[in-house]
Amino acid sequence: MNEYHLNKVIVTGGAGFIGSHIIDYMIKNKLVDEIIAIDNLSSGSLDNISMHINKKYFKFIKADLKNVDDQWSSQFRDIDMVIHMAANPEVRISVTNPHVHFNENLVATFNVLEACRKGNAKMLVFASSSTVYGDAKIIPTPEDYHPLEPISIYGAAKLAAEYLCISYSKLYGMKCLIVRYANIIGPRSGHGVIVDFINKLKQNPKELEILGDGTQRKSYLHVYDAVDATLFLALKVLPSVANYDIYNIGNSDWITVREIADIVVKEMGLDNVRYTFKPATIDGRGWLGDVKFMLLDISKLKSKGWTPSMNSYDAVRKTVRQLLNKES
């Protein structure tokens, strides 16, 4: 195995938003001989990977990682790399149903790590989140920022999973790459502010309800860039890591929720849309546990030679056009 090619890879959450794009990218760029995708299809869809079904290089296993069984865990024997994307991605759910994120984002990760240990998997990429930083006092926020104080169960589960990954890498010699994503957007995404706005405006093109006061400002990265950065690190950096390393994956700029609404309205060709704001907290957040301001410091990633191809504004505009089927 060299740094650009792998024999066999497992992608958990392989039918999901980011996972399916990772599979597309690896196949298109001939980075792997065989891919095993594992997904319970709770938020993923077979439509996302339909072009790979029944191909010699591809195997799909419908399985729930919260439950250990030989059907999926036996696949981890001598795997070159496990890319662990499986998770419940909806942060808001963690407020009303905390057990969902505990089970799907932490218990599932523990089970994957155990399968890696027992199967002697060589490398693991873990999809973490900017939410581990909570309300960071340093913006842009670097990887070594402390204290890490997540304000949602989603963020807490991701942080706990990070520590499990670190412990397994130190104890069992498995190389681990932890990537902390900003807001990732693009085609196949089934949730988030852009999807929410488009759906609301299709129902009522005259009025748009905006969760929060509209001043929330965050960094957005297109999924094409997110996948490119992830695999850049996985193939060029991870093989030389001693135990583990952590990288922010995001953009160099940020954009407000109101600016996103303006882009969606313009791309949908609408006029005179009235915005109504629905803050869930005194300081104007969209929901309890919502980080109001988020911008990751990506200088560590840039120092390795990678930069985003789109800024936050262009990523949002391209995503809107793709979700409206105006652009591929």
C-alpha atoms as a PDB file:
ATOM      1  CA  MET A   1       0.000   0.000   0.000  1.00  0.00           C
ATOM      2  CA  ASN A   2       1.345   3.437  -0.899  1.00  0.00           C
ATOM      3  CA  GLU A   3       0.040   6.803   0.297  1.00  0.00           C
ATOM      4  CA  TYR A   4      -2.239   7.191  -2.708  1.00  0.00           C
ATOM      5  CA  HIS A   5      -3.821   3.752  -2.986  1.00  0.00           C
ATOM      6  CA  LEU A   6      -5.560   1.329  -0.638  1.00  0.00           C
ATOM      7  CA  ASN A   7      -6.573  -2.288  -1.105  1.00  0.00           C
ATOM      8  CA  LYS A   8      -9.700  -2.467   1.044  1.00  0.00           C
ATOM      9  CA  VAL A   9     -11.626   0.287   2.836  1.00  0.00           C
ATOM     10  CA  ILE A  10     -14.746   0.319   5.010  1.00  0.00           C
ATOM     11  CA  VAL A  11     -16.962   3.412   4.967  1.00  0.00           C
ATOM     12  CA  THR A  12     -19.532   3.425   7.763  1.00  0.00           C
ATOM     13  CA  GLY A  13     -22.503   5.606   6.935  1.00  0.00           C
ATOM     14  CA  GLY A  14     -21.570   4.898   3.341  1.00  0.00           C
ATOM     15  CA  ALA A  15     -25.066   5.579   2.020  1.00  0.00           C
ATOM     16  CA  GLY A  16     -25.227   8.895   3.870  1.00  0.00           C
ATOM     17  CA  PHE A  17     -24.440  12.460   2.850  1.00  0.00           C
ATOM     18  CA  ILE A  18     -20.661  12.696   3.263  1.00  0.00           C
ATOM     19  CA  GLY A  19     -20.000   8.947   3.220  1.00  0.00           C
ATOM     20  CA  SER A  20     -21.496   8.435  -0.237  1.00  0.00           C
ATOM     21  CA  HIS A  21     -19.458  11.325  -1.643  1.00  0.00           C
ATOM     22  CA  ILE A  22     -16.318   9.775  -0.136  1.00  0.00           C
ATOM     23  CA  ILE A  23     -17.088   6.518  -1.951  1.00  0.00           C
ATOM     24  CA  ASP A  24     -17.670   8.387  -5.229  1.00  0.00           C
ATOM     25  CA  TYR A  25     -14.383  10.258  -4.869  1.00  0.00           C
ATOM     26  CA  MET A  26     -12.316   7.171  -4.038  1.00  0.00           C
ATOM     27  CA  ILE A  27     -13.713   5.199  -6.969  1.00  0.00           C
ATOM     28  CA  LYS A  28     -13.457   8.075  -9.443  1.00  0.00           C
ATOM     29  CA  ASN A  29      -9.825   8.733  -8.503  1.00  0.00           C
ATOM     30  CA  LYS A  30      -8.911   5.019  -8.294  1.00  0.00           C
ATOM     31  CA  LEU A  31      -7.722   5.287  -4.705  1.00  0.00           C
ATOM     32  CA  VAL A  32      -8.981   1.876  -3.596  1.00  0.00           C
ATOM     33  CA  ASP A  33      -9.539  -1.627  -4.972  1.00  0.00           C
ATOM     34  CA  GLU A  34     -12.522  -2.571  -2.811  1.00  0.00           C
ATOM     35  CA  ILE A  35     -14.987  -0.620  -0.676  1.00  0.00           C
ATOM     36  CA  ILE A  36     -17.381  -2.016   1.909  1.00  0.00           C
ATOM     37  CA  ALA A  37     -20.183   0.396   2.832  1.00  0.00           C
ATOM     38  CA  ILE A  38     -22.094  -0.170   6.072  1.00  0.00           C
ATOM     39  CA  ASP A  39     -25.269   1.783   6.751  1.00  0.00           C
ATOM     40  CA  ASN A  40     -28.580   1.243   8.561  1.00  0.00           C
ATOM     41  CA  LEU A  41     -30.300   3.635   6.104  1.00  0.00           C
ATOM     42  CA  SER A  42     -31.832   5.699   8.925  1.00  0.00           C
ATOM     43  CA  SER A  43     -30.666   8.912   7.283  1.00  0.00           C
ATOM     44  CA  GLY A  44     -28.775   7.512   4.293  1.00  0.00           C
ATOM     45  CA  SER A  45     -30.287   6.245   1.059  1.00  0.00           C
ATOM     46  CA  LEU A  46     -29.449   3.553  -1.455  1.00  0.00           C
ATOM     47  CA  ASP A  47     -30.083   6.191  -4.122  1.00  0.00           C
ATOM     48  CA  ASN A  48     -26.836   7.851  -3.038  1.00  0.00           C
ATOM     49  CA  ILE A  49     -24.791   4.760  -3.921  1.00  0.00           C
ATOM     50  CA  SER A  50     -26.943   3.211  -6.656  1.00  0.00           C
ATOM     51  CA  MET A  51     -24.179   3.614  -9.253  1.00  0.00           C
ATOM     52  CA  HIS A  52     -21.936   1.302  -7.204  1.00  0.00           C
ATOM     53  CA  ILE A  53     -24.413  -1.465  -6.355  1.00  0.00           C
ATOM     54  CA  ASN A  54     -23.543  -4.829  -7.966  1.00  0.00           C
ATOM     55  CA  LYS A  55     -20.077  -3.643  -9.003  1.00  0.00           C
ATOM     56  CA  LYS A  56     -17.141  -5.959  -8.275  1.00  0.00           C
ATOM     57  CA  TYR A  57     -15.317  -3.335  -6.233  1.00  0.00           C
ATOM     58  CA  PHE A  58     -18.282  -2.589  -3.983  1.00  0.00           C
ATOM     59  CA  LYS A  59     -20.124  -4.350  -1.171  1.00  0.00           C
ATOM     60  CA  PHE A  60     -23.055  -2.925   0.775  1.00  0.00           C
ATOM     61  CA  ILE A  61     -24.112  -4.207   4.188  1.00  0.00           C
ATOM     62  CA  LYS A  62     -27.284  -2.948   5.810  1.00  0.00           C
ATOM     63  CA  ALA A  63     -26.530  -3.092   9.509  1.00  0.00           C
ATOM     64  CA  ASP A  64     -26.988  -1.099  12.692  1.00  0.00           C
ATOM     65  CA  LEU A  65     -23.637  -0.345  14.331  1.00  0.00           C
ATOM     66  CA  LYS A  66     -25.341   0.051  17.701  1.00  0.00           C
ATOM     67  CA  ASN A  67     -25.816  -3.718  17.647  1.00  0.00           C
ATOM     68  CA  VAL A  68     -22.764  -5.941  17.314  1.00  0.00           C
ATOM     69  CA  ASP A  69     -23.075  -8.946  15.017  1.00  0.00           C
ATOM     70  CA  ASP A  70     -20.791 -10.944  12.756  1.00  0.00           C
ATOM     71  CA  GLN A  71     -22.559  -9.672   9.639  1.00  0.00           C
ATOM     72  CA  TRP A  72     -20.708  -6.359   9.822  1.00  0.00           C
ATOM     73  CA  SER A  73     -18.008  -6.763  12.468  1.00  0.00           C
ATOM     74  CA  SER A  74     -16.362  -9.684  10.643  1.00  0.00           C
ATOM     75  CA  GLN A  75     -15.674  -7.365   7.691  1.00  0.00           C
ATOM     76  CA  PHE A  76     -13.025  -5.460   9.671  1.00  0.00           C
ATOM     77  CA  ARG A  77     -10.330  -8.130   9.439  1.00  0.00           C
ATOM     78  CA  ASP A  78      -7.114  -6.656   8.031  1.00  0.00           C
ATOM     79  CA  ILE A  79      -8.810  -3.621   6.532  1.00  0.00           C
ATOM     80  CA  ASP A  80      -6.394  -0.923   5.351  1.00  0.00           C
ATOM     81  CA  MET A  81      -8.594   1.951   6.470  1.00  0.00           C
ATOM     82  CA  VAL A  82     -11.939   2.481   8.183  1.00  0.00           C
ATOM     83  CA  ILE A  83     -13.643   5.807   7.447  1.00  0.00           C
ATOM     84  CA  HIS A  84     -16.213   6.192  10.202  1.00  0.00           C
ATOM     85  CA  MET A  85     -18.914   8.581   9.009  1.00  0.00           C
ATOM     86  CA  ALA A  86     -21.963   6.873  10.532  1.00  0.00           C
ATOM     87  CA  ALA A  87     -23.801   9.178  12.948  1.00  0.00           C
ATOM     88  CA  ASN A  88     -27.061  10.933  13.555  1.00  0.00           C
ATOM     89  CA  PRO A  89     -26.301  14.345  12.025  1.00  0.00           C
ATOM     90  CA  GLU A  90     -29.214  16.362  13.410  1.00  0.00           C
ATOM     91  CA  VAL A  91     -27.905  18.455  16.319  1.00  0.00           C
ATOM     92  CA  ARG A  92     -31.383  19.693  17.288  1.00  0.00           C
ATOM     93  CA  ILE A  93     -32.567  16.154  18.065  1.00  0.00           C
ATOM     94  CA  SER A  94     -30.063  15.934  20.912  1.00  0.00           C
ATOM     95  CA  VAL A  95     -32.043  18.502  22.901  1.00  0.00           C
ATOM     96  CA  THR A  96     -35.287  16.518  22.955  1.00  0.00           C
ATOM     97  CA  ASN A  97     -33.918  12.967  22.559  1.00  0.00           C
ATOM     98  CA  PRO A  98     -30.403  12.858  24.081  1.00  0.00           C
ATOM     99  CA  HIS A  99     -30.280   9.054  24.012  1.00  0.00           C
ATOM    100  CA  VAL A 100     -30.340   9.116  20.198  1.00  0.00           C
ATOM    101  CA  HIS A 101     -26.957  10.796  19.969  1.00  0.00           C
ATOM    102  CA  PHE A 102     -25.507   8.828  22.853  1.00  0.00           C
ATOM    103  CA  ASN A 103     -26.372   5.570  21.120  1.00  0.00           C
ATOM    104  CA  GLU A 104     -25.852   6.463  17.459  1.00  0.00           C
ATOM    105  CA  ASN A 105     -22.792   8.681  17.867  1.00  0.00           C
ATOM    106  CA  LEU A 106     -21.007   7.168  20.870  1.00  0.00           C
ATOM    107  CA  VAL A 107     -22.088   3.549  21.347  1.00  0.00           C
ATOM    108  CA  ALA A 108     -21.797   2.953  17.598  1.00  0.00           C
ATOM    109  CA  THR A 109     -18.286   4.459  17.577  1.00  0.00           C
ATOM    110  CA  PHE A 110     -17.219   2.216  20.461  1.00  0.00           C
ATOM    111  CA  ASN A 111     -18.498  -0.818  18.574  1.00  0.00           C
ATOM    112  CA  VAL A 112     -16.606   0.259  15.445  1.00  0.00           C
ATOM    113  CA  LEU A 113     -13.405   0.708  17.458  1.00  0.00           C
ATOM    114  CA  GLU A 114     -13.823  -2.750  18.961  1.00  0.00           C
ATOM    115  CA  ALA A 115     -14.300  -4.211  15.480  1.00  0.00           C
ATOM    116  CA  CYS A 116     -11.138  -2.396  14.379  1.00  0.00           C
ATOM    117  CA  ARG A 117      -9.198  -3.795  17.339  1.00  0.00           C
ATOM    118  CA  LYS A 118     -10.393  -7.357  16.897  1.00  0.00           C
ATOM    119  CA  GLY A 119      -9.964  -7.235  13.130  1.00  0.00           C
ATOM    120  CA  ASN A 120      -6.552  -5.549  13.250  1.00  0.00           C
ATOM    121  CA  ALA A 121      -7.664  -2.637  11.073  1.00  0.00           C
ATOM    122  CA  LYS A 122      -4.662  -0.441  10.379  1.00  0.00           C
ATOM    123  CA  MET A 123      -6.055   3.097  10.167  1.00  0.00           C
ATOM    124  CA  LEU A 124      -9.224   4.920  11.224  1.00  0.00           C
ATOM    125  CA  VAL A 125     -10.656   8.242  10.080  1.00  0.00           C
ATOM    126  CA  PHE A 126     -13.241   9.585  12.527  1.00  0.00           C
ATOM    127  CA  ALA A 127     -15.732  12.280  11.511  1.00  0.00           C
ATOM    128  CA  SER A 128     -15.991  14.667  14.436  1.00  0.00           C
ATOM    129  CA  SER A 129     -17.487  18.148  14.551  1.00  0.00           C
ATOM    130  CA  SER A 130     -16.849  21.794  15.324  1.00  0.00           C
ATOM    131  CA  THR A 131     -19.492  21.414  18.043  1.00  0.00           C
ATOM    132  CA  VAL A 132     -16.838  19.912  20.358  1.00  0.00           C
ATOM    133  CA  TYR A 133     -15.537  23.474  20.903  1.00  0.00           C
ATOM    134  CA  GLY A 134     -18.843  24.807  22.233  1.00  0.00           C
ATOM    135  CA  ASP A 135     -18.945  28.607  22.500  1.00  0.00           C
ATOM    136  CA  ALA A 136     -15.267  29.099  21.776  1.00  0.00           C
ATOM    137  CA  LYS A 137     -13.685  32.294  23.100  1.00  0.00           C
ATOM    138  CA  ILE A 138     -11.018  32.232  20.378  1.00  0.00           C
ATOM    139  CA  ILE A 139     -12.243  32.664  16.789  1.00  0.00           C
ATOM    140  CA  PRO A 140     -10.994  31.308  14.415  1.00  0.00           C
ATOM    141  CA  THR A 141     -10.727  28.297  16.715  1.00  0.00           C
ATOM    142  CA  PRO A 142      -7.572  26.140  16.487  1.00  0.00           C
ATOM    143  CA  GLU A 143      -7.357  22.403  17.148  1.00  0.00           C
ATOM    144  CA  ASP A 144      -5.515  22.925  20.456  1.00  0.00           C
ATOM    145  CA  TYR A 145      -8.205  25.228  21.884  1.00  0.00           C
ATOM    146  CA  HIS A 146      -9.189  24.477  25.487  1.00  0.00           C
ATOM    147  CA  PRO A 147     -11.262  23.931  27.449  1.00  0.00           C
ATOM    148  CA  LEU A 148     -13.486  21.896  25.158  1.00  0.00           C
ATOM    149  CA  GLU A 149     -16.987  22.548  26.508  1.00  0.00           C
ATOM    150  CA  PRO A 150     -19.684  21.384  24.056  1.00  0.00           C
ATOM    151  CA  ILE A 151     -23.139  22.868  24.636  1.00  0.00           C
ATOM    152  CA  SER A 152     -25.139  20.075  22.959  1.00  0.00           C
ATOM    153  CA  ILE A 153     -25.411  16.336  23.556  1.00  0.00           C
ATOM    154  CA  TYR A 154     -24.346  15.921  19.934  1.00  0.00           C
ATOM    155  CA  GLY A 155     -21.104  17.799  20.598  1.00  0.00           C
ATOM    156  CA  ALA A 156     -20.546  15.969  23.882  1.00  0.00           C
ATOM    157  CA  ALA A 157     -20.999  12.580  22.191  1.00  0.00           C
ATOM    158  CA  LYS A 158     -18.588  13.550  19.418  1.00  0.00           C
ATOM    159  CA  LEU A 159     -15.980  14.676  21.955  1.00  0.00           C
ATOM    160  CA  ALA A 160     -16.369  11.486  24.000  1.00  0.00           C
ATOM    161  CA  ALA A 161     -15.962   9.486  20.789  1.00  0.00           C
ATOM    162  CA  GLU A 162     -12.779  11.422  20.004  1.00  0.00           C
ATOM    163  CA  TYR A 163     -11.293  10.372  23.328  1.00  0.00           C
ATOM    164  CA  LEU A 164     -12.227   6.764  22.671  1.00  0.00           C
ATOM    165  CA  CYS A 165     -10.415   6.977  19.321  1.00  0.00           C
ATOM    166  CA  ILE A 166      -7.340   8.498  20.978  1.00  0.00           C
ATOM    167  CA  SER A 167      -7.274   5.787  23.661  1.00  0.00           C
ATOM    168  CA  TYR A 168      -7.609   2.992  21.108  1.00  0.00           C
ATOM    169  CA  SER A 169      -4.825   4.458  18.972  1.00  0.00           C
ATOM    170  CA  LYS A 170      -2.470   4.626  21.953  1.00  0.00           C
ATOM    171  CA  LEU A 171      -3.410   1.237  23.376  1.00  0.00           C
ATOM    172  CA  TYR A 172      -3.632  -0.857  20.231  1.00  0.00           C
ATOM    173  CA  GLY A 173      -1.372   0.893  17.719  1.00  0.00           C
ATOM    174  CA  MET A 174      -4.111   1.830  15.247  1.00  0.00           C
ATOM    175  CA  LYS A 175      -3.390   5.121  13.478  1.00  0.00           C
ATOM    176  CA  CYS A 176      -6.276   7.545  13.932  1.00  0.00           C
ATOM    177  CA  LEU A 177      -7.208  10.745  12.118  1.00  0.00           C
ATOM    178  CA  ILE A 178      -9.865  12.897  13.794  1.00  0.00           C
ATOM    179  CA  VAL A 179     -11.426  15.505  11.505  1.00  0.00           C
ATOM    180  CA  ARG A 180     -13.537  18.261  13.027  1.00  0.00           C
ATOM    181  CA  TYR A 181     -15.927  19.438  10.340  1.00  0.00           C
ATOM    182  CA  ALA A 182     -17.472  22.877  10.012  1.00  0.00           C
ATOM    183  CA  ASN A 183     -20.992  22.961   8.515  1.00  0.00           C
ATOM    184  CA  ILE A 184     -20.775  20.682   5.474  1.00  0.00           C
ATOM    185  CA  ILE A 185     -23.298  21.367   2.726  1.00  0.00           C
ATOM    186  CA  GLY A 186     -24.059  20.089  -0.757  1.00  0.00           C
ATOM    187  CA  PRO A 187     -26.152  17.604  -2.739  1.00  0.00           C
ATOM    188  CA  ARG A 188     -27.637  14.622  -0.841  1.00  0.00           C
ATOM    189  CA  SER A 189     -27.855  16.592   2.382  1.00  0.00           C
ATOM    190  CA  GLY A 190     -31.220  15.966   4.010  1.00  0.00           C
ATOM    191  CA  HIS A 191     -31.068  18.509   6.815  1.00  0.00           C
ATOM    192  CA  GLY A 192     -29.632  21.902   7.729  1.00  0.00           C
ATOM    193  CA  VAL A 193     -30.485  25.533   7.183  1.00  0.00           C
ATOM    194  CA  ILE A 194     -30.419  25.504   3.363  1.00  0.00           C
ATOM    195  CA  VAL A 195     -32.698  22.476   3.055  1.00  0.00           C
ATOM    196  CA  ASP A 196     -34.962  23.994   5.695  1.00  0.00           C
ATOM    197  CA  PHE A 197     -35.225  27.323   3.847  1.00  0.00           C
ATOM    198  CA  ILE A 198     -35.891  25.729   0.451  1.00  0.00           C
ATOM    199  CA  ASN A 199     -38.624  23.488   1.852  1.00  0.00           C
ATOM    200  CA  LYS A 200     -40.305  26.366   3.699  1.00  0.00           C
ATOM    201  CA  LEU A 201     -40.234  28.660   0.655  1.00  0.00           C
ATOM    202  CA  LYS A 202     -41.700  25.955  -1.567  1.00  0.00           C
ATOM    203  CA  GLN A 203     -44.641  25.772   0.840  1.00  0.00           C
ATOM    204  CA  ASN A 204     -44.963  29.540   1.257  1.00  0.00           C
ATOM    205  CA  PRO A 205     -42.983  31.716  -1.187  1.00  0.00           C
ATOM    206  CA  LYS A 206     -44.101  34.919   0.533  1.00  0.00           C
ATOM    207  CA  GLU A 207     -42.785  34.322   4.047  1.00  0.00           C
ATOM    208  CA  LEU A 208     -39.744  32.595   5.535  1.00  0.00           C
ATOM    209  CA  GLU A 209     -39.463  31.596   9.173  1.00  0.00           C
ATOM    210  CA  ILE A 210     -35.846  31.802  10.335  1.00  0.00           C
ATOM    211  CA  LEU A 211     -34.825  30.021  13.513  1.00  0.00           C
ATOM    212  CA  GLY A 212     -32.811  32.436  15.626  1.00  0.00           C
ATOM    213  CA  ASP A 213     -32.373  36.174  15.081  1.00  0.00           C
ATOM    214  CA  GLY A 214     -30.542  35.732  11.765  1.00  0.00           C
ATOM    215  CA  THR A 215     -27.200  37.038  13.039  1.00  0.00           C
ATOM    216  CA  GLN A 216     -25.806  33.573  13.698  1.00  0.00           C
ATOM    217  CA  ARG A 217     -22.532  33.456  11.772  1.00  0.00           C
ATOM    218  CA  LYS A 218     -20.791  30.227  10.800  1.00  0.00           C
ATOM    219  CA  SER A 219     -18.373  28.695   8.340  1.00  0.00           C
ATOM    220  CA  TYR A 220     -19.773  26.528   5.545  1.00  0.00           C
ATOM    221  CA  LEU A 221     -17.783  24.099   3.398  1.00  0.00           C
ATOM    222  CA  HIS A 222     -19.040  22.348   0.281  1.00  0.00           C
ATOM    223  CA  VAL A 223     -19.041  18.554   0.542  1.00  0.00           C
ATOM    224  CA  TYR A 224     -16.758  18.304  -2.512  1.00  0.00           C
ATOM    225  CA  ASP A 225     -14.113  20.271  -0.608  1.00  0.00           C
ATOM    226  CA  ALA A 226     -14.795  18.393   2.640  1.00  0.00           C
ATOM    227  CA  VAL A 227     -14.240  15.019   0.961  1.00  0.00           C
ATOM    228  CA  ASP A 228     -11.159  16.256  -0.882  1.00  0.00           C
ATOM    229  CA  ALA A 229      -9.633  17.531   2.381  1.00  0.00           C
ATOM    230  CA  THR A 230     -10.546  14.354   4.282  1.00  0.00           C
ATOM    231  CA  LEU A 231      -8.952  12.023   1.771  1.00  0.00           C
ATOM    232  CA  PHE A 232      -5.970  14.344   1.319  1.00  0.00           C
ATOM    233  CA  LEU A 233      -5.266  13.963   5.040  1.00  0.00           C
ATOM    234  CA  ALA A 234      -6.167  10.268   5.135  1.00  0.00           C
ATOM    235  CA  LEU A 235      -3.826   9.294   2.324  1.00  0.00           C
ATOM    236  CA  LYS A 236      -0.999  11.802   2.615  1.00  0.00           C
ATOM    237  CA  VAL A 237      -0.805  12.533   6.342  1.00  0.00           C
ATOM    238  CA  LEU A 238      -2.328   9.652   8.331  1.00  0.00           C
ATOM    239  CA  PRO A 239       0.137   6.929   7.195  1.00  0.00           C
ATOM    240  CA  SER A 240       3.012   8.842   8.829  1.00  0.00           C
ATOM    241  CA  VAL A 241       1.153   9.708  12.070  1.00  0.00           C
ATOM    242  CA  ALA A 242       2.564   7.993  15.163  1.00  0.00           C
ATOM    243  CA  ASN A 243      -0.732   7.455  16.990  1.00  0.00           C
ATOM    244  CA  TYR A 244      -3.363  10.064  16.188  1.00  0.00           C
ATOM    245  CA  ASP A 245      -3.781  13.584  14.878  1.00  0.00           C
ATOM    246  CA  ILE A 246      -6.626  16.118  14.799  1.00  0.00           C
ATOM    247  CA  TYR A 247      -7.474  18.531  11.990  1.00  0.00           C
ATOM    248  CA  ASN A 248     -10.142  21.163  11.513  1.00  0.00           C
ATOM    249  CA  ILE A 249     -11.826  20.943   8.115  1.00  0.00           C
ATOM    250  CA  GLY A 250     -13.714  24.097   7.228  1.00  0.00           C
ATOM    251  CA  ASN A 251     -13.534  27.347   5.358  1.00  0.00           C
ATOM    252  CA  SER A 252     -11.530  30.533   5.859  1.00  0.00           C
ATOM    253  CA  ASP A 253     -14.602  32.744   6.091  1.00  0.00           C
ATOM    254  CA  TRP A 254     -18.127  32.704   7.513  1.00  0.00           C
ATOM    255  CA  ILE A 255     -21.628  33.830   6.628  1.00  0.00           C
ATOM    256  CA  THR A 256     -24.774  34.795   8.557  1.00  0.00           C
ATOM    257  CA  VAL A 257     -28.055  32.922   8.507  1.00  0.00           C
ATOM    258  CA  ARG A 258     -29.768  35.999   7.087  1.00  0.00           C
ATOM    259  CA  GLU A 259     -27.239  36.125   4.230  1.00  0.00           C
ATOM    260  CA  ILE A 260     -27.995  32.454   3.513  1.00  0.00           C
ATOM    261  CA  ALA A 261     -31.705  33.292   3.396  1.00  0.00           C
ATOM    262  CA  ASP A 262     -30.981  36.089   0.905  1.00  0.00           C
ATOM    263  CA  ILE A 263     -29.057  33.661  -1.338  1.00  0.00           C
ATOM    264  CA  VAL A 264     -31.834  31.052  -1.239  1.00  0.00           C
ATOM    265  CA  VAL A 265     -34.518  33.639  -2.024  1.00  0.00           C
ATOM    266  CA  LYS A 266     -32.508  35.028  -4.942  1.00  0.00           C
ATOM    267  CA  GLU A 267     -31.700  31.599  -6.423  1.00  0.00           C
ATOM    268  CA  MET A 268     -35.366  30.586  -6.169  1.00  0.00           C
ATOM    269  CA  GLY A 269     -36.310  33.723  -8.109  1.00  0.00           C
ATOM    270  CA  LEU A 270     -38.571  35.072  -5.377  1.00  0.00           C
ATOM    271  CA  ASP A 271     -39.426  38.686  -4.556  1.00  0.00           C
ATOM    272  CA  ASN A 272     -40.760  40.462  -1.483  1.00  0.00           C
ATOM    273  CA  VAL A 273     -40.254  37.530   0.894  1.00  0.00           C
ATOM    274  CA  ARG A 274     -40.977  38.552   4.477  1.00  0.00           C
ATOM    275  CA  TYR A 275     -38.583  37.176   7.088  1.00  0.00           C
ATOM    276  CA  THR A 276     -39.910  36.242  10.512  1.00  0.00           C
ATOM    277  CA  PHE A 277     -37.349  35.448  13.163  1.00  0.00           C
ATOM    278  CA  LYS A 278     -37.855  32.839  15.851  1.00  0.00           C
ATOM    279  CA  PRO A 279     -35.059  32.987  18.443  1.00  0.00           C
ATOM    280  CA  ALA A 280     -35.005  30.141  20.958  1.00  0.00           C
ATOM    281  CA  THR A 281     -32.759  31.951  23.440  1.00  0.00           C
ATOM    282  CA  ILE A 282     -32.302  35.500  24.708  1.00  0.00           C
ATOM    283  CA  ASP A 283     -29.122  35.909  22.666  1.00  0.00           C
ATOM    284  CA  GLY A 284     -30.836  34.863  19.418  1.00  0.00           C
ATOM    285  CA  ARG A 285     -29.803  31.241  18.866  1.00  0.00           C
ATOM    286  CA  GLY A 286     -31.865  28.969  16.648  1.00  0.00           C
ATOM    287  CA  TRP A 287     -32.334  26.292  19.310  1.00  0.00           C
ATOM    288  CA  LEU A 288     -30.961  25.236  22.671  1.00  0.00           C
ATOM    289  CA  GLY A 289     -27.460  23.880  22.095  1.00  0.00           C
ATOM    290  CA  ASP A 290     -26.933  25.912  18.921  1.00  0.00           C
ATOM    291  CA  VAL A 291     -23.453  27.437  18.701  1.00  0.00           C
ATOM    292  CA  LYS A 292     -24.104  30.986  17.487  1.00  0.00           C
ATOM    293  CA  PHE A 293     -20.650  31.852  16.128  1.00  0.00           C
ATOM    294  CA  MET A 294     -18.333  29.261  14.579  1.00  0.00           C
ATOM    295  CA  LEU A 295     -15.230  29.726  12.469  1.00  0.00           C
ATOM    296  CA  LEU A 296     -12.510  27.090  12.509  1.00  0.00           C
ATOM    297  CA  ASP A 297      -8.825  27.886  12.214  1.00  0.00           C
ATOM    298  CA  ILE A 298      -7.681  25.763   9.247  1.00  0.00           C
ATOM    299  CA  SER A 299      -4.061  26.960   9.182  1.00  0.00           C
ATOM    300  CA  LYS A 300      -2.844  23.493  10.239  1.00  0.00           C
ATOM    301  CA  LEU A 301      -4.638  21.935   7.257  1.00  0.00           C
ATOM    302  CA  LYS A 302      -3.357  24.652   4.923  1.00  0.00           C
ATOM    303  CA  SER A 303       0.203  24.055   6.128  1.00  0.00           C
ATOM    304  CA  LYS A 304      -0.038  20.557   4.641  1.00  0.00           C
ATOM    305  CA  GLY A 305      -0.844  22.038   1.232  1.00  0.00           C
ATOM    306  CA  TRP A 306      -4.648  21.987   1.054  1.00  0.00           C
ATOM    307  CA  THR A 307      -7.007  24.949   0.600  1.00  0.00           C
ATOM    308  CA  PRO A 308     -10.772  25.126  -0.125  1.00  0.00           C
ATOM    309  CA  SER A 309     -11.864  25.723  -3.725  1.00  0.00           C
ATOM    310  CA  MET A 310     -14.962  27.684  -2.632  1.00  0.00           C
ATOM    311  CA  ASN A 311     -15.568  30.200   0.145  1.00  0.00           C
ATOM    312  CA  SER A 312     -18.643  29.967   2.360  1.00  0.00           C
ATOM    313  CA  TYR A 313     -20.751  32.237   0.139  1.00  0.00           C
ATOM    314  CA  ASP A 314     -19.932  30.305  -3.043  1.00  0.00           C
ATOM    315  CA  ALA A 315     -20.453  26.972  -1.278  1.00  0.00           C
ATOM    316  CA  VAL A 316     -23.919  28.061  -0.132  1.00  0.00           C
ATOM    317  CA  ARG A 317     -24.869  29.380  -3.569  1.00  0.00           C
ATOM    318  CA  LYS A 318     -23.653  26.220  -5.330  1.00  0.00           C
ATOM    319  CA  THR A 319     -25.510  24.034  -2.828  1.00  0.00           C
ATOM    320  CA  VAL A 320     -28.769  25.943  -3.344  1.00  0.00           C
ATOM    321  CA  ARG A 321     -28.433  25.559  -7.106  1.00  0.00           C
ATOM    322  CA  GLN A 322     -27.684  21.849  -6.777  1.00  0.00           C
ATOM    323  CA  LEU A 323     -30.630  21.227  -4.470  1.00  0.00           C
ATOM    324  CA  LEU A 324     -32.849  23.082  -6.938  1.00  0.00           C
ATOM    325  CA  ASN A 325     -31.401  20.941  -9.763  1.00  0.00           C
ATOM    326  CA  LYS A 326     -29.989  24.017 -11.505  1.00  0.00           C
ATOM    327  CA  GLU A 327     -26.394  22.793 -11.284  1.00  0.00           C
ATOM    328  CA  SER A 328     -24.563  19.478 -10.960  1.00  0.00           C
END
